[in-house]
Protein backbone atom coordinates (compact mmCIF):
# COMPACT_ATOMS: atom_id res chain seq x y z
CA MET A 1 -65.65 13.11 -61.37
CA LYS A 2 -65.04 10.74 -58.49
CA HIS A 3 -62.40 11.37 -55.91
CA SER A 4 -60.43 8.94 -53.86
CA LYS A 5 -61.57 8.57 -50.26
CA PRO A 6 -59.42 10.08 -47.53
CA THR A 7 -56.80 7.93 -45.93
CA GLN A 8 -57.17 6.90 -42.34
CA CYS A 9 -55.34 8.47 -39.47
CA SER A 10 -52.58 6.75 -37.64
CA GLY A 11 -52.61 6.26 -33.88
CA GLN A 12 -51.72 8.86 -31.36
CA GLY A 13 -48.14 9.97 -30.90
CA GLU A 14 -45.80 9.68 -27.96
CA ARG A 15 -46.46 13.19 -26.72
CA ARG A 16 -49.84 14.43 -25.54
CA SER A 17 -51.79 15.31 -28.66
CA TRP A 18 -53.93 18.33 -29.33
CA ASP A 19 -56.84 15.94 -29.55
CA GLU A 20 -56.40 15.01 -25.93
CA GLU A 21 -55.92 18.64 -24.93
CA LYS A 22 -59.13 19.51 -26.71
CA SER A 23 -61.09 16.61 -25.25
CA THR A 24 -59.94 17.18 -21.67
CA HIS A 25 -61.94 20.35 -21.29
CA SER A 26 -65.02 19.17 -23.14
CA GLN A 27 -65.92 16.70 -20.42
CA LYS A 28 -65.43 19.35 -17.72
CA ARG A 29 -66.90 22.53 -19.15
CA ARG A 30 -70.38 23.90 -18.66
CA ARG A 31 -72.65 24.75 -21.50
CA LYS A 32 -76.25 25.82 -21.65
CA SER A 33 -78.25 23.37 -23.68
CA HIS A 34 -79.70 24.65 -26.92
CA SER A 35 -82.28 22.61 -28.74
CA SER A 36 -84.06 22.98 -32.04
CA GLU A 37 -86.88 21.45 -33.97
CA ARG A 38 -85.34 19.32 -36.68
CA GLU A 39 -88.23 16.96 -37.48
CA GLY A 40 -89.66 17.27 -40.95
CA ARG A 41 -86.80 19.32 -42.25
CA CYS A 42 -85.82 18.60 -45.82
CA TYR A 43 -82.12 17.94 -46.03
CA LYS A 44 -79.98 18.24 -49.07
CA SER A 45 -78.21 15.16 -50.40
CA LEU A 46 -74.72 15.73 -51.70
CA LYS A 47 -72.42 13.25 -53.40
CA SER A 48 -68.75 13.39 -52.51
CA ALA A 49 -65.95 11.50 -50.90
CA ASN A 50 -65.31 13.38 -47.72
CA SER A 51 -67.03 15.02 -44.79
CA SER A 52 -66.66 17.46 -41.98
CA TYR A 53 -66.03 16.02 -38.77
CA LEU A 54 -62.87 14.23 -39.99
CA GLU A 55 -60.04 14.26 -37.67
CA ASP A 56 -58.27 12.27 -40.24
CA ARG A 57 -57.76 15.39 -42.28
CA SER A 58 -55.74 16.53 -39.32
CA ILE A 59 -52.11 17.31 -38.73
CA THR A 60 -51.36 13.59 -38.49
CA ARG A 61 -52.72 13.21 -41.98
CA ARG A 62 -50.56 16.04 -43.19
CA ASP A 63 -47.57 14.09 -41.92
CA ARG A 64 -48.39 11.16 -44.17
CA HIS A 65 -48.71 13.36 -47.22
CA ASP A 66 -45.75 15.70 -46.86
CA ARG A 67 -46.43 19.12 -48.24
CA ARG A 68 -44.62 20.30 -51.30
CA TYR A 69 -42.69 22.92 -49.41
CA VAL A 70 -41.18 20.37 -47.01
CA GLU A 71 -39.44 18.81 -49.99
CA GLU A 72 -38.42 22.27 -51.15
CA TYR A 73 -36.89 22.93 -47.75
CA ILE A 74 -34.80 19.79 -48.01
CA ASN A 75 -33.71 20.54 -51.56
CA ASP A 76 -32.77 24.08 -50.65
CA PHE A 77 -30.75 23.21 -47.58
CA ARG A 78 -27.01 23.38 -48.13
CA ASP A 79 -26.07 23.74 -44.47
CA VAL A 80 -25.78 20.42 -42.64
CA ASP A 81 -27.28 21.85 -39.45
CA ASP A 82 -30.25 23.25 -41.37
CA TYR A 83 -30.86 19.92 -43.06
CA LYS A 84 -30.66 18.20 -39.68
CA HIS A 85 -33.18 20.66 -38.23
CA CYS A 86 -35.57 19.98 -41.08
CA ARG A 87 -35.31 16.22 -40.67
CA GLU A 88 -35.77 16.46 -36.91
CA TYR A 89 -38.78 18.69 -37.50
CA GLU A 90 -40.43 16.20 -39.86
CA LYS A 91 -39.71 13.34 -37.48
CA SER A 92 -41.15 15.22 -34.51
CA ARG A 93 -44.39 15.95 -36.35
CA GLN A 94 -44.95 12.24 -36.75
CA HIS A 95 -45.29 11.96 -33.00
CA HIS A 96 -46.54 15.34 -31.87
CA PHE A 97 -49.90 15.83 -33.51
CA SER A 98 -53.07 13.80 -33.72
CA LYS A 99 -55.87 16.29 -33.73
CA SER A 100 -59.43 14.95 -33.61
CA SER A 101 -62.51 16.78 -34.77
CA GLY A 102 -64.66 14.99 -32.28
CA GLN A 103 -63.47 16.74 -29.18
CA SER A 104 -63.47 20.03 -27.47
CA GLY A 105 -60.35 22.02 -26.71
CA LYS A 106 -60.78 23.26 -23.23
CA SER A 107 -59.06 22.66 -19.90
CA SER A 108 -59.95 21.38 -16.47
CA HIS A 109 -62.98 23.51 -15.66
CA LYS A 110 -65.67 21.16 -14.34
CA ARG A 111 -69.22 21.17 -15.59
CA LYS A 112 -71.80 21.67 -12.88
CA HIS A 113 -74.91 19.53 -12.64
CA LYS A 114 -73.24 16.91 -14.79
CA LYS A 115 -75.43 13.88 -15.27
CA HIS A 116 -73.96 10.56 -14.31
CA ASP A 117 -72.73 8.62 -17.30
CA PRO A 118 -72.16 4.91 -16.57
CA HIS A 119 -69.75 4.73 -19.49
CA ASP A 120 -67.52 7.29 -17.77
CA SER A 121 -67.31 5.59 -14.38
CA LEU A 122 -64.81 3.15 -13.03
CA TYR A 123 -67.66 0.75 -12.45
CA SER A 124 -68.37 0.63 -16.17
CA LYS A 125 -64.85 -0.34 -17.21
CA SER A 126 -65.30 -4.07 -16.76
CA HIS A 127 -68.70 -3.87 -18.43
CA ARG A 128 -67.18 -1.98 -21.35
CA ARG A 129 -64.44 -4.56 -21.73
CA LYS A 130 -67.04 -7.32 -21.87
CA ARG A 131 -69.12 -5.43 -24.40
CA SER A 132 -66.07 -4.63 -26.51
CA ARG A 133 -65.61 -8.30 -27.28
CA SER A 134 -68.75 -8.14 -29.38
CA VAL A 135 -69.17 -4.59 -30.69
CA GLU A 136 -65.86 -2.72 -30.13
CA ASP A 137 -62.26 -3.19 -31.08
CA GLU A 138 -59.45 -2.77 -28.58
CA GLU A 139 -59.20 0.98 -29.27
CA GLY A 140 -62.88 1.59 -28.55
CA HIS A 141 -64.06 1.94 -32.16
CA LEU A 142 -67.45 0.49 -32.95
CA ILE A 143 -66.95 -2.58 -35.10
CA CYS A 144 -68.98 -2.06 -38.26
CA GLN A 145 -68.69 -2.79 -41.95
CA SER A 146 -70.37 -2.13 -45.24
CA GLY A 147 -73.95 -3.38 -45.18
CA ASP A 148 -74.46 -2.93 -41.44
CA VAL A 149 -77.49 -0.88 -40.46
CA LEU A 150 -77.61 1.64 -37.63
CA ARG A 151 -80.87 2.42 -35.88
CA ALA A 152 -82.75 0.32 -38.44
CA ARG A 153 -82.32 3.25 -40.80
CA TYR A 154 -78.75 4.06 -41.85
CA GLU A 155 -77.03 1.50 -44.05
CA ILE A 156 -73.25 1.83 -43.99
CA ILE A 157 -71.62 2.10 -47.43
CA SER A 158 -68.02 2.82 -46.51
CA THR A 159 -65.69 4.27 -43.92
CA LEU A 160 -64.68 7.83 -44.80
CA GLY A 161 -62.00 8.02 -42.14
CA GLU A 162 -60.87 7.19 -38.62
CA GLY A 163 -59.24 9.26 -35.91
CA ALA A 164 -58.65 9.47 -32.20
CA PHE A 165 -62.31 10.44 -31.64
CA GLY A 166 -63.79 7.48 -33.53
CA LYS A 167 -64.73 7.08 -37.18
CA VAL A 168 -66.90 8.65 -39.88
CA VAL A 169 -68.93 6.48 -42.23
CA GLU A 170 -70.98 7.22 -45.30
CA CYS A 171 -74.50 5.83 -45.09
CA ILE A 172 -77.74 5.56 -47.02
CA ASP A 173 -80.71 6.98 -45.11
CA HIS A 174 -83.55 4.61 -45.95
CA HIS A 175 -86.08 6.91 -44.26
CA MET A 176 -85.17 9.78 -46.59
CA LYS A 177 -85.46 8.10 -50.00
CA GLY A 178 -81.91 6.84 -50.09
CA MET A 179 -80.22 10.14 -49.25
CA HIS A 180 -76.51 9.81 -48.51
CA VAL A 181 -75.30 11.13 -45.16
CA ALA A 182 -72.12 11.12 -43.09
CA ILE A 183 -72.25 9.72 -39.55
CA LYS A 184 -69.60 10.37 -36.94
CA ILE A 185 -69.42 7.37 -34.62
CA VAL A 186 -67.63 8.43 -31.45
CA LYS A 187 -65.60 6.05 -29.32
CA SER A 188 -67.26 4.84 -26.14
CA VAL A 189 -64.73 6.72 -24.03
CA GLY A 190 -65.75 9.35 -21.51
CA ARG A 191 -63.82 12.34 -22.82
CA TYR A 192 -64.91 11.75 -26.41
CA ARG A 193 -68.52 11.21 -25.41
CA GLU A 194 -68.52 14.52 -23.55
CA ALA A 195 -66.90 16.28 -26.51
CA ALA A 196 -69.56 14.86 -28.81
CA ARG A 197 -72.32 16.10 -26.51
CA SER A 198 -70.77 19.58 -26.56
CA GLU A 199 -70.66 19.58 -30.35
CA ILE A 200 -74.28 18.44 -30.52
CA GLN A 201 -75.38 21.30 -28.27
CA VAL A 202 -73.57 23.90 -30.37
CA LEU A 203 -74.89 22.45 -33.63
CA GLU A 204 -78.46 22.36 -32.30
CA HIS A 205 -78.15 26.01 -31.38
CA LEU A 206 -76.66 27.05 -34.73
CA ASN A 207 -79.09 24.96 -36.77
CA ALA A 208 -82.00 26.52 -34.86
CA LEU A 209 -80.66 30.04 -35.52
CA ASP A 210 -79.99 29.29 -39.19
CA PRO A 211 -82.27 26.48 -40.42
CA GLY A 212 -81.65 27.46 -44.05
CA SER A 213 -77.87 27.27 -43.65
CA ARG A 214 -77.40 30.79 -45.00
CA PHE A 215 -74.32 31.20 -42.84
CA CYS A 216 -72.40 28.21 -44.18
CA CYS A 217 -72.33 26.05 -41.03
CA VAL A 218 -72.59 22.30 -41.49
CA GLN A 219 -76.07 20.91 -40.86
CA MET A 220 -76.51 18.25 -38.21
CA LEU A 221 -79.51 16.13 -39.10
CA GLU A 222 -79.85 14.23 -35.83
CA SER A 223 -77.92 12.38 -33.14
CA PHE A 224 -78.44 9.09 -31.33
CA GLU A 225 -76.62 6.39 -29.36
CA HIS A 226 -75.73 2.97 -30.69
CA HIS A 227 -74.28 0.39 -28.26
CA GLY A 228 -72.97 3.20 -26.07
CA HIS A 229 -71.47 5.16 -28.97
CA VAL A 230 -72.65 8.70 -29.65
CA CYS A 231 -73.53 9.02 -33.35
CA ILE A 232 -73.96 12.37 -35.09
CA VAL A 233 -75.62 12.46 -38.51
CA PHE A 234 -74.44 15.20 -40.90
CA GLU A 235 -75.20 16.22 -44.43
CA LEU A 236 -72.60 14.72 -46.75
CA LEU A 237 -70.21 17.33 -48.10
CA GLY A 238 -67.25 17.39 -50.47
CA LEU A 239 -63.52 17.51 -49.88
CA SER A 240 -61.96 19.84 -47.34
CA THR A 241 -60.09 22.79 -48.79
CA TYR A 242 -56.86 21.22 -47.53
CA ASP A 243 -57.60 17.89 -49.24
CA PHE A 244 -58.41 19.65 -52.50
CA ILE A 245 -55.09 21.50 -52.41
CA LYS A 246 -53.27 18.27 -51.58
CA GLU A 247 -54.93 16.32 -54.39
CA ASN A 248 -54.12 19.21 -56.74
CA SER A 249 -50.39 18.83 -56.00
CA PHE A 250 -50.48 21.69 -53.47
CA LEU A 251 -51.14 24.26 -56.15
CA PRO A 252 -52.53 27.48 -54.65
CA PHE A 253 -56.07 28.61 -55.32
CA PRO A 254 -56.65 31.38 -57.91
CA ILE A 255 -57.23 34.77 -56.33
CA GLU A 256 -60.83 34.91 -57.57
CA LEU A 257 -61.59 31.64 -55.79
CA ILE A 258 -59.81 32.90 -52.65
CA ARG A 259 -62.04 35.98 -52.73
CA LYS A 260 -65.24 33.91 -52.87
CA MET A 261 -64.07 31.47 -50.20
CA ALA A 262 -62.74 34.21 -47.91
CA TYR A 263 -66.03 36.10 -48.03
CA GLN A 264 -68.00 32.97 -47.11
CA ILE A 265 -65.62 32.14 -44.27
CA CYS A 266 -65.79 35.67 -42.84
CA HIS A 267 -69.58 35.70 -43.26
CA SER A 268 -69.94 32.37 -41.45
CA ILE A 269 -67.58 33.06 -38.56
CA ASN A 270 -69.02 36.55 -38.12
CA PHE A 271 -72.37 34.82 -37.58
CA LEU A 272 -70.78 32.81 -34.76
CA HIS A 273 -69.21 35.92 -33.24
CA HIS A 274 -72.50 37.80 -33.26
CA ASN A 275 -73.98 34.87 -31.34
CA LYS A 276 -71.22 35.06 -28.71
CA LEU A 277 -69.40 31.97 -29.96
CA THR A 278 -65.77 31.45 -30.94
CA HIS A 279 -64.90 28.50 -33.18
CA THR A 280 -61.28 28.23 -31.89
CA ASP A 281 -60.13 25.61 -34.42
CA LEU A 282 -60.34 27.15 -37.86
CA LYS A 283 -58.03 25.60 -40.45
CA PRO A 284 -58.30 24.37 -44.07
CA GLU A 285 -59.27 20.88 -42.88
CA ASN A 286 -62.36 22.31 -41.18
CA ILE A 287 -63.58 24.21 -44.24
CA LEU A 288 -65.30 21.89 -46.71
CA PHE A 289 -66.58 22.38 -50.20
CA VAL A 290 -70.27 21.64 -50.53
CA GLU A 291 -69.37 19.80 -53.73
CA SER A 292 -65.81 19.19 -54.86
CA ASP A 293 -66.42 18.17 -58.46
CA TYR A 294 -63.94 19.77 -60.82
CA ILE A 295 -62.77 20.00 -64.39
CA VAL A 296 -59.16 19.55 -65.46
CA LYS A 297 -57.56 22.24 -67.59
CA TYR A 298 -54.07 22.30 -69.03
CA ASN A 299 -52.07 25.40 -68.08
CA SER A 300 -49.80 25.88 -71.07
CA LYS A 301 -47.84 28.64 -69.35
CA MET A 302 -47.03 26.44 -66.34
CA ARG A 303 -47.06 23.23 -68.42
CA ARG A 304 -49.29 21.29 -66.05
CA ASP A 305 -52.85 20.07 -65.54
CA GLU A 306 -54.85 22.04 -63.00
CA ARG A 307 -58.19 21.30 -61.35
CA THR A 308 -60.89 23.95 -61.43
CA LEU A 309 -63.85 23.65 -59.07
CA LYS A 310 -67.34 23.70 -60.52
CA ASN A 311 -68.90 24.94 -57.26
CA THR A 312 -67.08 27.29 -54.88
CA ASP A 313 -69.59 27.06 -52.00
CA ILE A 314 -68.05 26.06 -48.66
CA LYS A 315 -69.21 25.13 -45.16
CA ILE A 316 -67.56 25.37 -41.75
CA VAL A 317 -67.34 22.17 -39.72
CA ASP A 318 -66.02 20.78 -36.43
CA PHE A 319 -67.67 22.67 -33.60
CA GLY A 320 -66.39 20.33 -30.89
CA SER A 321 -64.15 23.04 -29.46
CA ALA A 322 -66.44 26.03 -30.02
CA THR A 323 -66.75 28.19 -26.90
CA TYR A 324 -69.41 30.65 -25.80
CA ASP A 325 -68.39 33.98 -24.30
CA ASN A 326 -69.76 33.04 -20.88
CA GLU A 327 -67.98 29.69 -20.75
CA HIS A 328 -64.60 28.90 -19.30
CA HIS A 329 -61.81 29.72 -21.77
CA SER A 330 -58.91 27.29 -21.56
CA THR A 331 -55.39 28.58 -21.93
CA LEU A 332 -54.60 26.60 -25.08
CA VAL A 333 -56.79 26.47 -28.19
CA SER A 334 -56.38 26.16 -31.96
CA THR A 335 -54.17 23.93 -34.06
CA ARG A 336 -50.54 25.09 -33.95
CA HIS A 337 -50.15 26.68 -37.40
CA TYR A 338 -53.28 28.81 -36.94
CA ARG A 339 -52.78 29.76 -33.28
CA ALA A 340 -52.90 33.47 -32.44
CA PRO A 341 -50.05 35.16 -30.52
CA GLU A 342 -52.28 35.98 -27.53
CA VAL A 343 -52.94 32.24 -27.16
CA ILE A 344 -49.24 31.35 -27.36
CA LEU A 345 -48.43 34.03 -24.78
CA ALA A 346 -51.31 32.93 -22.53
CA LEU A 347 -52.81 36.43 -22.46
CA GLY A 348 -56.41 35.28 -22.80
CA TRP A 349 -58.40 35.11 -26.00
CA SER A 350 -61.80 35.75 -27.53
CA GLN A 351 -63.25 36.12 -31.04
CA PRO A 352 -60.14 37.83 -32.52
CA CYS A 353 -58.25 34.53 -32.31
CA ASP A 354 -60.58 33.25 -35.05
CA VAL A 355 -59.68 36.26 -37.20
CA TRP A 356 -55.96 35.44 -36.86
CA SER A 357 -56.68 31.86 -37.95
CA ILE A 358 -58.54 33.10 -41.02
CA GLY A 359 -55.56 35.26 -41.96
CA CYS A 360 -53.29 32.20 -41.76
CA ILE A 361 -55.75 30.21 -43.86
CA LEU A 362 -55.87 32.85 -46.59
CA ILE A 363 -52.07 32.84 -46.87
CA GLU A 364 -52.17 29.07 -47.19
CA TYR A 365 -54.76 29.28 -49.95
CA TYR A 366 -52.60 31.87 -51.74
CA LEU A 367 -49.30 29.98 -51.44
CA GLY A 368 -50.38 26.35 -51.24
CA PHE A 369 -48.63 25.93 -47.88
CA THR A 370 -48.69 27.39 -44.39
CA VAL A 371 -46.03 29.94 -43.46
CA PHE A 372 -46.00 29.04 -39.74
CA GLN A 373 -44.76 25.49 -40.18
CA THR A 374 -43.43 24.65 -36.71
CA HIS A 375 -44.04 22.58 -33.61
CA ASP A 376 -42.38 24.87 -31.06
CA SER A 377 -43.90 28.00 -29.50
CA LYS A 378 -40.69 30.05 -29.39
CA GLU A 379 -39.88 29.12 -32.98
CA HIS A 380 -43.45 30.04 -33.88
CA LEU A 381 -42.95 33.51 -32.37
CA ALA A 382 -39.63 33.84 -34.23
CA MET A 383 -41.43 33.09 -37.49
CA MET A 384 -44.06 35.71 -36.66
CA GLU A 385 -41.39 38.33 -36.04
CA ARG A 386 -39.58 37.42 -39.26
CA ILE A 387 -42.82 37.79 -41.27
CA LEU A 388 -44.71 40.49 -39.36
CA GLY A 389 -42.07 42.40 -37.39
CA PRO A 390 -41.36 42.63 -33.64
CA LEU A 391 -43.96 41.66 -31.08
CA PRO A 392 -45.47 44.61 -29.16
CA THR A 393 -43.64 45.36 -25.93
CA HIS A 394 -46.85 45.59 -23.91
CA MET A 395 -47.78 42.02 -24.87
CA ILE A 396 -44.29 40.77 -23.98
CA LYS A 397 -44.41 42.49 -20.57
CA LYS A 398 -47.86 41.10 -19.84
CA SER A 399 -46.97 37.50 -20.70
CA ARG A 400 -45.61 35.14 -18.06
CA LYS A 401 -44.11 32.87 -20.66
CA ARG A 402 -40.32 32.55 -20.51
CA TYR A 403 -39.69 33.24 -24.16
CA PHE A 404 -38.15 36.68 -23.68
CA HIS A 405 -35.06 38.42 -22.34
CA HIS A 406 -35.00 42.20 -21.76
CA ASP A 407 -38.37 42.51 -23.52
CA GLN A 408 -37.11 40.80 -26.67
CA LEU A 409 -37.59 37.27 -27.96
CA ASP A 410 -34.79 35.09 -26.61
CA TRP A 411 -33.87 33.61 -29.96
CA ASP A 412 -30.54 32.59 -31.45
CA GLU A 413 -30.60 33.37 -35.16
CA HIS A 414 -27.32 31.50 -35.65
CA SER A 415 -28.61 28.16 -34.35
CA SER A 416 -29.90 25.52 -36.74
CA ALA A 417 -33.47 26.53 -35.80
CA GLY A 418 -32.57 30.18 -36.32
CA ARG A 419 -31.17 29.51 -39.78
CA TYR A 420 -34.25 27.43 -40.58
CA VAL A 421 -36.56 30.34 -39.73
CA ARG A 422 -34.38 32.92 -41.49
CA ARG A 423 -34.14 30.90 -44.71
CA ARG A 424 -37.80 29.89 -44.90
CA CYS A 425 -39.56 33.04 -43.65
CA LYS A 426 -39.55 36.56 -45.04
CA PRO A 427 -41.57 39.76 -44.67
CA LEU A 428 -45.22 39.24 -45.53
CA LYS A 429 -45.30 41.39 -48.69
CA GLU A 430 -42.43 39.40 -50.20
CA PHE A 431 -44.80 36.43 -50.51
CA MET A 432 -46.90 38.33 -53.07
CA HIS A 433 -46.88 36.82 -56.58
CA SER A 434 -48.06 40.07 -58.14
CA HIS A 435 -48.43 43.71 -57.19
CA ASP A 436 -51.70 44.38 -58.96
CA LYS A 437 -54.72 45.77 -57.14
CA ASP A 438 -56.29 42.42 -56.20
CA HIS A 439 -53.10 41.03 -54.71
CA LYS A 440 -52.40 44.23 -52.79
CA ASN A 441 -55.92 44.26 -51.39
CA LEU A 442 -55.69 40.62 -50.34
CA PHE A 443 -52.40 41.17 -48.53
CA ASP A 444 -53.74 44.30 -46.87
CA LEU A 445 -56.65 42.25 -45.53
CA ILE A 446 -54.32 39.48 -44.39
CA ARG A 447 -52.01 41.96 -42.66
CA ARG A 448 -54.95 43.44 -40.75
CA MET A 449 -56.04 39.96 -39.71
CA LEU A 450 -52.52 39.18 -38.52
CA GLU A 451 -52.28 42.22 -36.26
CA TYR A 452 -50.51 41.08 -33.09
CA ASP A 453 -52.72 43.00 -30.68
CA PRO A 454 -56.19 41.41 -30.66
CA VAL A 455 -57.71 44.76 -29.66
CA LYS A 456 -56.36 46.36 -32.85
CA ARG A 457 -57.03 43.34 -35.08
CA ILE A 458 -59.67 43.83 -37.75
CA THR A 459 -63.13 42.52 -36.86
CA LEU A 460 -65.07 40.39 -39.29
CA ASP A 461 -67.71 43.10 -39.63
CA GLU A 462 -64.91 45.36 -40.86
CA ALA A 463 -63.31 42.61 -42.95
CA LEU A 464 -66.53 42.06 -44.89
CA GLU A 465 -66.39 45.73 -45.93
CA HIS A 466 -62.77 45.51 -47.09
CA HIS A 467 -61.95 46.58 -50.67
CA PHE A 468 -60.79 43.04 -51.48
CA PHE A 469 -64.46 42.03 -51.56
CA ASP A 470 -65.66 44.97 -53.70
CA PRO A 471 -65.84 42.89 -56.92
CA LEU A 472 -68.35 40.56 -55.23
CA LYS A 473 -70.57 43.47 -54.22
CA ASN A 474 -70.55 45.05 -57.67
CA ARG A 475 -72.03 41.98 -59.34
């Protein structure tokens, strides 16, 4: 069954986007280069209407397709101040986020031994403006259309999406018997070029460690430059898990599907962690189905049509912000809804921040929406306390953030924001649809992943041994 192609992202908002925050560090960080032999490898061709690398499945895109629960919030509001808060929140999201998968999320740490890039220099600006008249639009996107051929090999079929980083196109690889691939074409802008190089280095390393893709990381087939634009060729995958939920009217995934997906996600990210790498930007948009074909079944109990996936295999994508243990760690990482408390409190972070993100993702799969729906750090912490209980005193004392008063969150529960949080958030266990064994095990796993203290948070080695996954091991 064919799916509609993803919509394109809008431009960047008024405030500094997470894309820019991510890309700032990429051009200034150091990374050891990892290379791998990719020639002669047989790559798998997959038919679908989406791909990894898409920034356009980002928060900006979520703004265009309001989630079901946003409407529920509005319908449920009876207090004028609460309604106003909700409307202001929706409006602010239209300007606050524009996350791009093509860039890295690190800060101002400079890369040593950086090679000179003429496209990054002031000298090149006039040259780039001249070149843009023929091959680039005013935003720096490569001008291309269906039928164009890149590198005398890749024939463009369609544009899968556009974002701040550039665009992603679906192509036919005429050197591989007409195999379909996805190519990320990065803008000819310094920070995005550097971010693309960082992603290429990480992908070369991961592909060399796992040539058979046993650990569910997207396969990069090759990379090249075209008129000053970095191009990364990927296997073509299916819809992101977020897009599938959205196209299925934000219905949650069945618990059996969550189990299979959760195990693959933990297995994949544990592979990164064992190789001293933290993804830092895990979210449903960056988890793609290998194939997203489905069958439609009528649920007589719920009186609605529901889509059931034929293939539950997934892959992790977007390694533009992945960080090695020995690299500089910027203060701010992760997309807001999946950001760990140690990141918000600027206490430093490592692999456990990925585990927190996975916990948030699993709740979203279970409910069909994210529970930490906010754009403000203090409000985010208030939501955490409403759902998970008080923050640990030792973390509050250690943080230099001015969110606290007398070792407690400085939060007015009677304000419009306070009422918003109180009405829309509740203790974690109250989100459970059922109290049978599977649901209890899932929420026990989620609660361990959402442990405030990263030292006490469950590791992915431990998570893979959790009782929630026992049915998969008994088969």
